[in-house]
Amino acid sequence: MDEWEDHQAFMVKSLRKAASYFHVTLQGDPVFGWRDRSIGSLVISEQGKNWLRVVSEMKQWVHEDWWEGYVAADALRGIEKFLQLIAILKFLYF
């Protein structure tokens, strides 16, 4: 398994952990974002259907300031977001 496959496996695991934490059920195949820096999936909860998105970067990408997809996505208005997710992932992985 190469570094890229390791990162993809990490992202899938992170999505599953986030779904478990939020007590939602993943539906369908997860969708990777640009260069696998995010992963998302339709989820079902007691409140209905939602989209769960997890963002992570590999250490060698941190210096690159030309990618701001997660910042731009967070700035979108009118879309309910799981605000606790960042704190949870820090707790789980750091």
PDB file of N, CA and C in Angstrom:
ATOM      1  N   MET A   1       0.848  -1.177   0.000  1.00  0.00           N
ATOM      2  CA  MET A   1       0.000   0.000   0.000  1.00  0.00           C
ATOM      3  C   MET A   1       0.892   1.239   0.000  1.00  0.00           C
ATOM      4  N   ASP A   2       0.644   2.150  -0.931  1.00  0.00           N
ATOM      5  CA  ASP A   2       1.463   3.361  -0.994  1.00  0.00           C
ATOM      6  C   ASP A   2       0.853   4.471  -0.126  1.00  0.00           C
ATOM      7  N   GLU A   3       1.551   5.599  -0.077  1.00  0.00           N
ATOM      8  CA  GLU A   3       1.128   6.714   0.773  1.00  0.00           C
ATOM      9  C   GLU A   3      -0.274   7.207   0.404  1.00  0.00           C
ATOM     10  N   TRP A   4      -0.570   7.253  -0.894  1.00  0.00           N
ATOM     11  CA  TRP A   4      -1.870   7.736  -1.362  1.00  0.00           C
ATOM     12  C   TRP A   4      -2.983   6.799  -0.900  1.00  0.00           C
ATOM     13  N   GLU A   5      -2.757   5.484  -1.043  1.00  0.00           N
ATOM     14  CA  GLU A   5      -3.753   4.509  -0.594  1.00  0.00           C
ATOM     15  C   GLU A   5      -3.925   4.565   0.918  1.00  0.00           C
ATOM     16  N   ASP A   6      -2.825   4.780   1.648  1.00  0.00           N
ATOM     17  CA  ASP A   6      -2.908   4.943   3.102  1.00  0.00           C
ATOM     18  C   ASP A   6      -3.792   6.132   3.451  1.00  0.00           C
ATOM     19  N   HIS A   7      -3.618   7.237   2.730  1.00  0.00           N
ATOM     20  CA  HIS A   7      -4.410   8.436   3.000  1.00  0.00           C
ATOM     21  C   HIS A   7      -5.883   8.184   2.694  1.00  0.00           C
ATOM     22  N   GLN A   8      -6.171   7.513   1.593  1.00  0.00           N
ATOM     23  CA  GLN A   8      -7.561   7.211   1.262  1.00  0.00           C
ATOM     24  C   GLN A   8      -8.200   6.330   2.333  1.00  0.00           C
ATOM     25  N   ALA A   9      -7.470   5.336   2.801  1.00  0.00           N
ATOM     26  CA  ALA A   9      -7.985   4.466   3.865  1.00  0.00           C
ATOM     27  C   ALA A   9      -8.230   5.266   5.143  1.00  0.00           C
ATOM     28  N   PHE A  10      -7.320   6.188   5.461  1.00  0.00           N
ATOM     29  CA  PHE A  10      -7.479   7.062   6.619  1.00  0.00           C
ATOM     30  C   PHE A  10      -8.744   7.906   6.485  1.00  0.00           C
ATOM     31  N   MET A  11      -8.987   8.424   5.285  1.00  0.00           N
ATOM     32  CA  MET A  11     -10.157   9.268   5.062  1.00  0.00           C
ATOM     33  C   MET A  11     -11.456   8.468   5.218  1.00  0.00           C
ATOM     34  N   VAL A  12     -11.486   7.257   4.691  1.00  0.00           N
ATOM     35  CA  VAL A  12     -12.675   6.409   4.836  1.00  0.00           C
ATOM     36  C   VAL A  12     -12.917   6.106   6.315  1.00  0.00           C
ATOM     37  N   LYS A  13     -11.857   5.777   7.027  1.00  0.00           N
ATOM     38  CA  LYS A  13     -11.965   5.502   8.466  1.00  0.00           C
ATOM     39  C   LYS A  13     -12.465   6.744   9.209  1.00  0.00           C
ATOM     40  N   SER A  14     -11.968   7.909   8.845  1.00  0.00           N
ATOM     41  CA  SER A  14     -12.393   9.158   9.483  1.00  0.00           C
ATOM     42  C   SER A  14     -13.875   9.425   9.235  1.00  0.00           C
ATOM     43  N   LEU A  15     -14.331   9.177   8.015  1.00  0.00           N
ATOM     44  CA  LEU A  15     -15.742   9.372   7.687  1.00  0.00           C
ATOM     45  C   LEU A  15     -16.614   8.435   8.514  1.00  0.00           C
ATOM     46  N   ARG A  16     -16.199   7.193   8.637  1.00  0.00           N
ATOM     47  CA  ARG A  16     -16.964   6.226   9.436  1.00  0.00           C
ATOM     48  C   ARG A  16     -17.009   6.631  10.907  1.00  0.00           C
ATOM     49  N   LYS A  17     -15.884   7.101  11.438  1.00  0.00           N
ATOM     50  CA  LYS A  17     -15.855   7.545  12.837  1.00  0.00           C
ATOM     51  C   LYS A  17     -16.758   8.754  13.045  1.00  0.00           C
ATOM     52  N   ALA A  18     -16.735   9.686  12.102  1.00  0.00           N
ATOM     53  CA  ALA A  18     -17.592  10.867  12.214  1.00  0.00           C
ATOM     54  C   ALA A  18     -19.068  10.460  12.158  1.00  0.00           C
ATOM     55  N   ALA A  19     -19.405   9.541  11.264  1.00  0.00           N
ATOM     56  CA  ALA A  19     -20.793   9.069  11.162  1.00  0.00           C
ATOM     57  C   ALA A  19     -21.233   8.403  12.462  1.00  0.00           C
ATOM     58  N   SER A  20     -20.359   7.610  13.029  1.00  0.00           N
ATOM     59  CA  SER A  20     -20.673   6.953  14.297  1.00  0.00           C
ATOM     60  C   SER A  20     -20.883   7.981  15.402  1.00  0.00           C
ATOM     61  N   TYR A  21     -20.009   8.965  15.460  1.00  0.00           N
ATOM     62  CA  TYR A  21     -20.110   9.992  16.493  1.00  0.00           C
ATOM     63  C   TYR A  21     -21.436  10.745  16.401  1.00  0.00           C
ATOM     64  N   PHE A  22     -21.845  11.074  15.182  1.00  0.00           N
ATOM     65  CA  PHE A  22     -23.071  11.842  14.979  1.00  0.00           C
ATOM     66  C   PHE A  22     -24.320  10.966  14.912  1.00  0.00           C
ATOM     67  N   HIS A  23     -24.154   9.657  15.080  1.00  0.00           N
ATOM     68  CA  HIS A  23     -25.282   8.716  15.066  1.00  0.00           C
ATOM     69  C   HIS A  23     -26.067   8.818  13.761  1.00  0.00           C
ATOM     70  N   VAL A  24     -25.324   8.823  12.661  1.00  0.00           N
ATOM     71  CA  VAL A  24     -25.939   8.833  11.337  1.00  0.00           C
ATOM     72  C   VAL A  24     -25.471   7.596  10.581  1.00  0.00           C
ATOM     73  N   THR A  25     -26.237   7.208   9.576  1.00  0.00           N
ATOM     74  CA  THR A  25     -25.921   6.036   8.767  1.00  0.00           C
ATOM     75  C   THR A  25     -25.451   6.484   7.392  1.00  0.00           C
ATOM     76  N   LEU A  26     -24.276   6.031   6.995  1.00  0.00           N
ATOM     77  CA  LEU A  26     -23.750   6.353   5.666  1.00  0.00           C
ATOM     78  C   LEU A  26     -24.598   5.655   4.606  1.00  0.00           C
ATOM     79  N   GLN A  27     -24.888   6.355   3.518  1.00  0.00           N
ATOM     80  CA  GLN A  27     -25.674   5.808   2.423  1.00  0.00           C
ATOM     81  C   GLN A  27     -24.882   5.922   1.128  1.00  0.00           C
ATOM     82  N   GLY A  28     -24.736   4.821   0.418  1.00  0.00           N
ATOM     83  CA  GLY A  28     -24.036   4.848  -0.862  1.00  0.00           C
ATOM     84  C   GLY A  28     -22.528   4.914  -0.694  1.00  0.00           C
ATOM     85  N   ASP A  29     -21.868   5.075  -1.815  1.00  0.00           N
ATOM     86  CA  ASP A  29     -20.407   5.139  -1.817  1.00  0.00           C
ATOM     87  C   ASP A  29     -19.938   6.530  -1.413  1.00  0.00           C
ATOM     88  N   PRO A  30     -18.856   6.599  -0.625  1.00  0.00           N
ATOM     89  CA  PRO A  30     -18.306   7.914  -0.298  1.00  0.00           C
ATOM     90  C   PRO A  30     -17.706   8.569  -1.540  1.00  0.00           C
ATOM     91  N   VAL A  31     -17.680   9.884  -1.527  1.00  0.00           N
ATOM     92  CA  VAL A  31     -17.152  10.660  -2.645  1.00  0.00           C
ATOM     93  C   VAL A  31     -15.930  11.427  -2.161  1.00  0.00           C
ATOM     94  N   PHE A  32     -14.808  11.227  -2.846  1.00  0.00           N
ATOM     95  CA  PHE A  32     -13.592  11.964  -2.507  1.00  0.00           C
ATOM     96  C   PHE A  32     -13.606  13.313  -3.204  1.00  0.00           C
ATOM     97  N   GLY A  33     -13.115  14.319  -2.504  1.00  0.00           N
ATOM     98  CA  GLY A  33     -12.972  15.645  -3.079  1.00  0.00           C
ATOM     99  C   GLY A  33     -11.656  15.764  -3.825  1.00  0.00           C
ATOM    100  N   TRP A  34     -11.291  16.988  -4.139  1.00  0.00           N
ATOM    101  CA  TRP A  34     -10.099  17.279  -4.924  1.00  0.00           C
ATOM    102  C   TRP A  34      -8.859  16.724  -4.240  1.00  0.00           C
ATOM    103  N   ARG A  35      -8.115  15.921  -4.976  1.00  0.00           N
ATOM    104  CA  ARG A  35      -6.885  15.292  -4.496  1.00  0.00           C
ATOM    105  C   ARG A  35      -7.081  14.543  -3.181  1.00  0.00           C
ATOM    106  N   ASP A  36      -8.277  14.050  -2.976  1.00  0.00           N
ATOM    107  CA  ASP A  36      -8.621  13.254  -1.790  1.00  0.00           C
ATOM    108  C   ASP A  36      -8.434  14.009  -0.484  1.00  0.00           C
ATOM    109  N   ARG A  37      -8.539  15.318  -0.533  1.00  0.00           N
ATOM    110  CA  ARG A  37      -8.390  16.110   0.694  1.00  0.00           C
ATOM    111  C   ARG A  37      -9.685  16.175   1.487  1.00  0.00           C
ATOM    112  N   SER A  38     -10.776  15.742   0.883  1.00  0.00           N
ATOM    113  CA  SER A  38     -12.031  15.642   1.613  1.00  0.00           C
ATOM    114  C   SER A  38     -12.745  14.378   1.154  1.00  0.00           C
ATOM    115  N   ILE A  39     -13.664  13.943   1.987  1.00  0.00           N
ATOM    116  CA  ILE A  39     -14.499  12.793   1.662  1.00  0.00           C
ATOM    117  C   ILE A  39     -15.883  13.095   2.215  1.00  0.00           C
ATOM    118  N   GLY A  40     -16.893  12.724   1.472  1.00  0.00           N
ATOM    119  CA  GLY A  40     -18.248  12.988   1.923  1.00  0.00           C
ATOM    120  C   GLY A  40     -19.182  11.874   1.522  1.00  0.00           C
ATOM    121  N   SER A  41     -20.328  11.868   2.178  1.00  0.00           N
ATOM    122  CA  SER A  41     -21.325  10.855   1.883  1.00  0.00           C
ATOM    123  C   SER A  41     -22.695  11.352   2.316  1.00  0.00           C
ATOM    124  N   LEU A  42     -23.700  10.895   1.606  1.00  0.00           N
ATOM    125  CA  LEU A  42     -25.062  11.089   2.059  1.00  0.00           C
ATOM    126  C   LEU A  42     -25.212  10.312   3.359  1.00  0.00           C
ATOM    127  N   VAL A  43     -25.887  10.899   4.339  1.00  0.00           N
ATOM    128  CA  VAL A  43     -26.143  10.212   5.602  1.00  0.00           C
ATOM    129  C   VAL A  43     -27.621  10.332   5.943  1.00  0.00           C
ATOM    130  N   ILE A  44     -28.103   9.350   6.676  1.00  0.00           N
ATOM    131  CA  ILE A  44     -29.482   9.336   7.136  1.00  0.00           C
ATOM    132  C   ILE A  44     -29.465   9.410   8.660  1.00  0.00           C
ATOM    133  N   SER A  45     -30.307  10.290   9.190  1.00  0.00           N
ATOM    134  CA  SER A  45     -30.426  10.421  10.641  1.00  0.00           C
ATOM    135  C   SER A  45     -31.905  10.554  10.990  1.00  0.00           C
ATOM    136  N   GLU A  46     -32.180  10.733  12.266  1.00  0.00           N
ATOM    137  CA  GLU A  46     -33.563  10.951  12.687  1.00  0.00           C
ATOM    138  C   GLU A  46     -34.134  12.224  12.070  1.00  0.00           C
ATOM    139  N   GLN A  47     -33.265  13.171  11.731  1.00  0.00           N
ATOM    140  CA  GLN A  47     -33.708  14.431  11.134  1.00  0.00           C
ATOM    141  C   GLN A  47     -33.891  14.340   9.620  1.00  0.00           C
ATOM    142  N   GLY A  48     -33.488  13.237   9.018  1.00  0.00           N
ATOM    143  CA  GLY A  48     -33.622  13.077   7.577  1.00  0.00           C
ATOM    144  C   GLY A  48     -32.278  12.889   6.894  1.00  0.00           C
ATOM    145  N   LYS A  49     -32.210  13.297   5.632  1.00  0.00           N
ATOM    146  CA  LYS A  49     -30.994  13.145   4.837  1.00  0.00           C
ATOM    147  C   LYS A  49     -30.105  14.370   4.996  1.00  0.00           C
ATOM    148  N   ASN A  50     -28.811  14.127   5.095  1.00  0.00           N
ATOM    149  CA  ASN A  50     -27.813  15.191   5.186  1.00  0.00           C
ATOM    150  C   ASN A  50     -26.572  14.755   4.423  1.00  0.00           C
ATOM    151  N   TRP A  51     -25.628  15.645   4.313  1.00  0.00           N
ATOM    152  CA  TRP A  51     -24.331  15.349   3.706  1.00  0.00           C
ATOM    153  C   TRP A  51     -23.274  15.521   4.784  1.00  0.00           C
ATOM    154  N   LEU A  52     -22.470  14.494   5.001  1.00  0.00           N
ATOM    155  CA  LEU A  52     -21.385  14.551   5.979  1.00  0.00           C
ATOM    156  C   LEU A  52     -20.069  14.648   5.218  1.00  0.00           C
ATOM    157  N   ARG A  53     -19.272  15.644   5.552  1.00  0.00           N
ATOM    158  CA  ARG A  53     -17.997  15.878   4.859  1.00  0.00           C
ATOM    159  C   ARG A  53     -16.878  15.951   5.887  1.00  0.00           C
ATOM    160  N   VAL A  54     -15.800  15.251   5.614  1.00  0.00           N
ATOM    161  CA  VAL A  54     -14.611  15.258   6.468  1.00  0.00           C
ATOM    162  C   VAL A  54     -13.448  15.772   5.631  1.00  0.00           C
ATOM    163  N   VAL A  55     -12.665  16.658   6.211  1.00  0.00           N
ATOM    164  CA  VAL A  55     -11.536  17.267   5.509  1.00  0.00           C
ATOM    165  C   VAL A  55     -10.255  16.951   6.257  1.00  0.00           C
ATOM    166  N   SER A  56      -9.207  16.620   5.513  1.00  0.00           N
ATOM    167  CA  SER A  56      -7.897  16.370   6.105  1.00  0.00           C
ATOM    168  C   SER A  56      -6.839  16.621   5.041  1.00  0.00           C
ATOM    169  N   GLU A  57      -5.655  16.991   5.482  1.00  0.00           N
ATOM    170  CA  GLU A  57      -4.547  17.192   4.558  1.00  0.00           C
ATOM    171  C   GLU A  57      -3.337  16.414   5.043  1.00  0.00           C
ATOM    172  N   MET A  58      -2.581  15.891   4.104  1.00  0.00           N
ATOM    173  CA  MET A  58      -1.320  15.243   4.460  1.00  0.00           C
ATOM    174  C   MET A  58      -0.303  16.335   4.780  1.00  0.00           C
ATOM    175  N   LYS A  59       0.620  16.051   5.670  1.00  0.00           N
ATOM    176  CA  LYS A  59       1.561  17.067   6.146  1.00  0.00           C
ATOM    177  C   LYS A  59       2.305  17.773   5.016  1.00  0.00           C
ATOM    178  N   GLN A  60       2.666  17.061   3.967  1.00  0.00           N
ATOM    179  CA  GLN A  60       3.432  17.692   2.889  1.00  0.00           C
ATOM    180  C   GLN A  60       2.593  18.678   2.080  1.00  0.00           C
ATOM    181  N   TRP A  61       1.271  18.677   2.254  1.00  0.00           N
ATOM    182  CA  TRP A  61       0.409  19.604   1.533  1.00  0.00           C
ATOM    183  C   TRP A  61       0.180  20.906   2.290  1.00  0.00           C
ATOM    184  N   VAL A  62       0.503  20.939   3.554  1.00  0.00           N
ATOM    185  CA  VAL A  62       0.141  22.078   4.394  1.00  0.00           C
ATOM    186  C   VAL A  62       0.730  23.385   3.885  1.00  0.00           C
ATOM    187  N   HIS A  63       1.921  23.356   3.311  1.00  0.00           N
ATOM    188  CA  HIS A  63       2.569  24.582   2.841  1.00  0.00           C
ATOM    189  C   HIS A  63       1.909  25.173   1.596  1.00  0.00           C
ATOM    190  N   GLU A  64       1.074  24.398   0.936  1.00  0.00           N
ATOM    191  CA  GLU A  64       0.451  24.851  -0.305  1.00  0.00           C
ATOM    192  C   GLU A  64      -0.759  25.725   0.014  1.00  0.00           C
ATOM    193  N   ASP A  65      -0.661  27.011  -0.282  1.00  0.00           N
ATOM    194  CA  ASP A  65      -1.755  27.914   0.055  1.00  0.00           C
ATOM    195  C   ASP A  65      -2.747  28.093  -1.091  1.00  0.00           C
ATOM    196  N   TRP A  66      -2.573  27.382  -2.191  1.00  0.00           N
ATOM    197  CA  TRP A  66      -3.446  27.567  -3.336  1.00  0.00           C
ATOM    198  C   TRP A  66      -4.702  26.715  -3.248  1.00  0.00           C
ATOM    199  N   TRP A  67      -4.805  25.857  -2.251  1.00  0.00           N
ATOM    200  CA  TRP A  67      -6.014  25.052  -2.095  1.00  0.00           C
ATOM    201  C   TRP A  67      -6.765  25.514  -0.861  1.00  0.00           C
ATOM    202  N   GLU A  68      -7.982  25.977  -1.056  1.00  0.00           N
ATOM    203  CA  GLU A  68      -8.767  26.461   0.073  1.00  0.00           C
ATOM    204  C   GLU A  68     -10.200  25.952   0.011  1.00  0.00           C
ATOM    205  N   GLY A  69     -10.375  24.763  -0.550  1.00  0.00           N
ATOM    206  CA  GLY A  69     -11.716  24.203  -0.724  1.00  0.00           C
ATOM    207  C   GLY A  69     -12.501  24.072   0.562  1.00  0.00           C
ATOM    208  N   TYR A  70     -11.853  23.618   1.610  1.00  0.00           N
ATOM    209  CA  TYR A  70     -12.581  23.447   2.868  1.00  0.00           C
ATOM    210  C   TYR A  70     -12.970  24.792   3.471  1.00  0.00           C
ATOM    211  N   VAL A  71     -12.144  25.813   3.288  1.00  0.00           N
ATOM    212  CA  VAL A  71     -12.473  27.153   3.782  1.00  0.00           C
ATOM    213  C   VAL A  71     -13.653  27.716   2.988  1.00  0.00           C
ATOM    214  N   ALA A  72     -13.611  27.551   1.668  1.00  0.00           N
ATOM    215  CA  ALA A  72     -14.694  28.050   0.818  1.00  0.00           C
ATOM    216  C   ALA A  72     -16.007  27.328   1.123  1.00  0.00           C
ATOM    217  N   ALA A  73     -15.942  26.019   1.339  1.00  0.00           N
ATOM    218  CA  ALA A  73     -17.151  25.253   1.654  1.00  0.00           C
ATOM    219  C   ALA A  73     -17.741  25.690   2.984  1.00  0.00           C
ATOM    220  N   ASP A  74     -16.888  25.965   3.948  1.00  0.00           N
ATOM    221  CA  ASP A  74     -17.368  26.395   5.257  1.00  0.00           C
ATOM    222  C   ASP A  74     -18.030  27.768   5.190  1.00  0.00           C
ATOM    223  N   ALA A  75     -17.617  28.585   4.232  1.00  0.00           N
ATOM    224  CA  ALA A  75     -18.159  29.939   4.107  1.00  0.00           C
ATOM    225  C   ALA A  75     -19.537  29.971   3.442  1.00  0.00           C
ATOM    226  N   LEU A  76     -19.954  28.868   2.811  1.00  0.00           N
ATOM    227  CA  LEU A  76     -21.264  28.830   2.158  1.00  0.00           C
ATOM    228  C   LEU A  76     -22.368  29.033   3.188  1.00  0.00           C
ATOM    229  N   ARG A  77     -23.309  29.877   2.878  1.00  0.00           N
ATOM    230  CA  ARG A  77     -24.419  30.166   3.784  1.00  0.00           C
ATOM    231  C   ARG A  77     -25.650  29.374   3.361  1.00  0.00           C
ATOM    232  N   GLY A  78     -26.507  29.093   4.322  1.00  0.00           N
ATOM    233  CA  GLY A  78     -27.745  28.381   4.032  1.00  0.00           C
ATOM    234  C   GLY A  78     -27.602  26.872   4.036  1.00  0.00           C
ATOM    235  N   ILE A  79     -26.426  26.381   4.407  1.00  0.00           N
ATOM    236  CA  ILE A  79     -26.190  24.942   4.482  1.00  0.00           C
ATOM    237  C   ILE A  79     -25.821  24.617   5.918  1.00  0.00           C
ATOM    238  N   GLU A  80     -26.646  23.772   6.558  1.00  0.00           N
ATOM    239  CA  GLU A  80     -26.362  23.402   7.937  1.00  0.00           C
ATOM    240  C   GLU A  80     -25.087  22.565   7.987  1.00  0.00           C
ATOM    241  N   LYS A  81     -24.242  22.859   8.939  1.00  0.00           N
ATOM    242  CA  LYS A  81     -22.958  22.158   9.044  1.00  0.00           C
ATOM    243  C   LYS A  81     -22.817  21.536  10.423  1.00  0.00           C
ATOM    244  N   PHE A  82     -22.079  20.439  10.472  1.00  0.00           N
ATOM    245  CA  PHE A  82     -21.745  19.817  11.747  1.00  0.00           C
ATOM    246  C   PHE A  82     -20.538  20.552  12.308  1.00  0.00           C
ATOM    247  N   LEU A  83     -20.774  21.543  13.130  1.00  0.00           N
ATOM    248  CA  LEU A  83     -19.698  22.401  13.610  1.00  0.00           C
ATOM    249  C   LEU A  83     -18.733  21.691  14.547  1.00  0.00           C
ATOM    250  N   GLN A  84     -19.153  20.616  15.166  1.00  0.00           N
ATOM    251  CA  GLN A  84     -18.308  19.926  16.129  1.00  0.00           C
ATOM    252  C   GLN A  84     -17.256  19.055  15.466  1.00  0.00           C
ATOM    253  N   LEU A  85     -17.353  18.831  14.186  1.00  0.00           N
ATOM    254  CA  LEU A  85     -16.523  17.835  13.520  1.00  0.00           C
ATOM    255  C   LEU A  85     -15.032  18.082  13.671  1.00  0.00           C
ATOM    256  N   ILE A  86     -14.575  19.298  13.547  1.00  0.00           N
ATOM    257  CA  ILE A  86     -13.141  19.577  13.634  1.00  0.00           C
ATOM    258  C   ILE A  86     -12.610  19.184  15.000  1.00  0.00           C
ATOM    259  N   ALA A  87     -13.299  19.553  16.051  1.00  0.00           N
ATOM    260  CA  ALA A  87     -12.863  19.207  17.402  1.00  0.00           C
ATOM    261  C   ALA A  87     -12.844  17.701  17.593  1.00  0.00           C
ATOM    262  N   ILE A  88     -13.803  17.009  17.022  1.00  0.00           N
ATOM    263  CA  ILE A  88     -13.866  15.558  17.172  1.00  0.00           C
ATOM    264  C   ILE A  88     -12.676  14.898  16.506  1.00  0.00           C
ATOM    265  N   LEU A  89     -12.380  15.296  15.280  1.00  0.00           N
ATOM    266  CA  LEU A  89     -11.268  14.672  14.577  1.00  0.00           C
ATOM    267  C   LEU A  89      -9.947  14.967  15.265  1.00  0.00           C
ATOM    268  N   LYS A  90      -9.786  16.149  15.824  1.00  0.00           N
ATOM    269  CA  LYS A  90      -8.572  16.441  16.580  1.00  0.00           C
ATOM    270  C   LYS A  90      -8.472  15.502  17.773  1.00  0.00           C
ATOM    271  N   PHE A  91      -9.598  15.254  18.420  1.00  0.00           N
ATOM    272  CA  PHE A  91      -9.618  14.350  19.559  1.00  0.00           C
ATOM    273  C   PHE A  91      -9.271  12.927  19.133  1.00  0.00           C
ATOM    274  N   LEU A  92      -9.790  12.497  17.993  1.00  0.00           N
ATOM    275  CA  LEU A  92      -9.595  11.118  17.554  1.00  0.00           C
ATOM    276  C   LEU A  92      -8.195  10.843  17.020  1.00  0.00           C
ATOM    277  N   TYR A  93      -7.554  11.828  16.404  1.00  0.00           N
ATOM    278  CA  TYR A  93      -6.339  11.541  15.652  1.00  0.00           C
ATOM    279  C   TYR A  93      -5.104  12.302  16.086  1.00  0.00           C
ATOM    280  N   PHE A  94      -5.200  13.291  16.939  1.00  0.00           N
ATOM    281  CA  PHE A  94      -4.028  14.091  17.254  1.00  0.00           C
ATOM    282  C   PHE A  94      -3.650  13.981  18.705  1.00  0.00           C
TER     283      PHE A  94
END
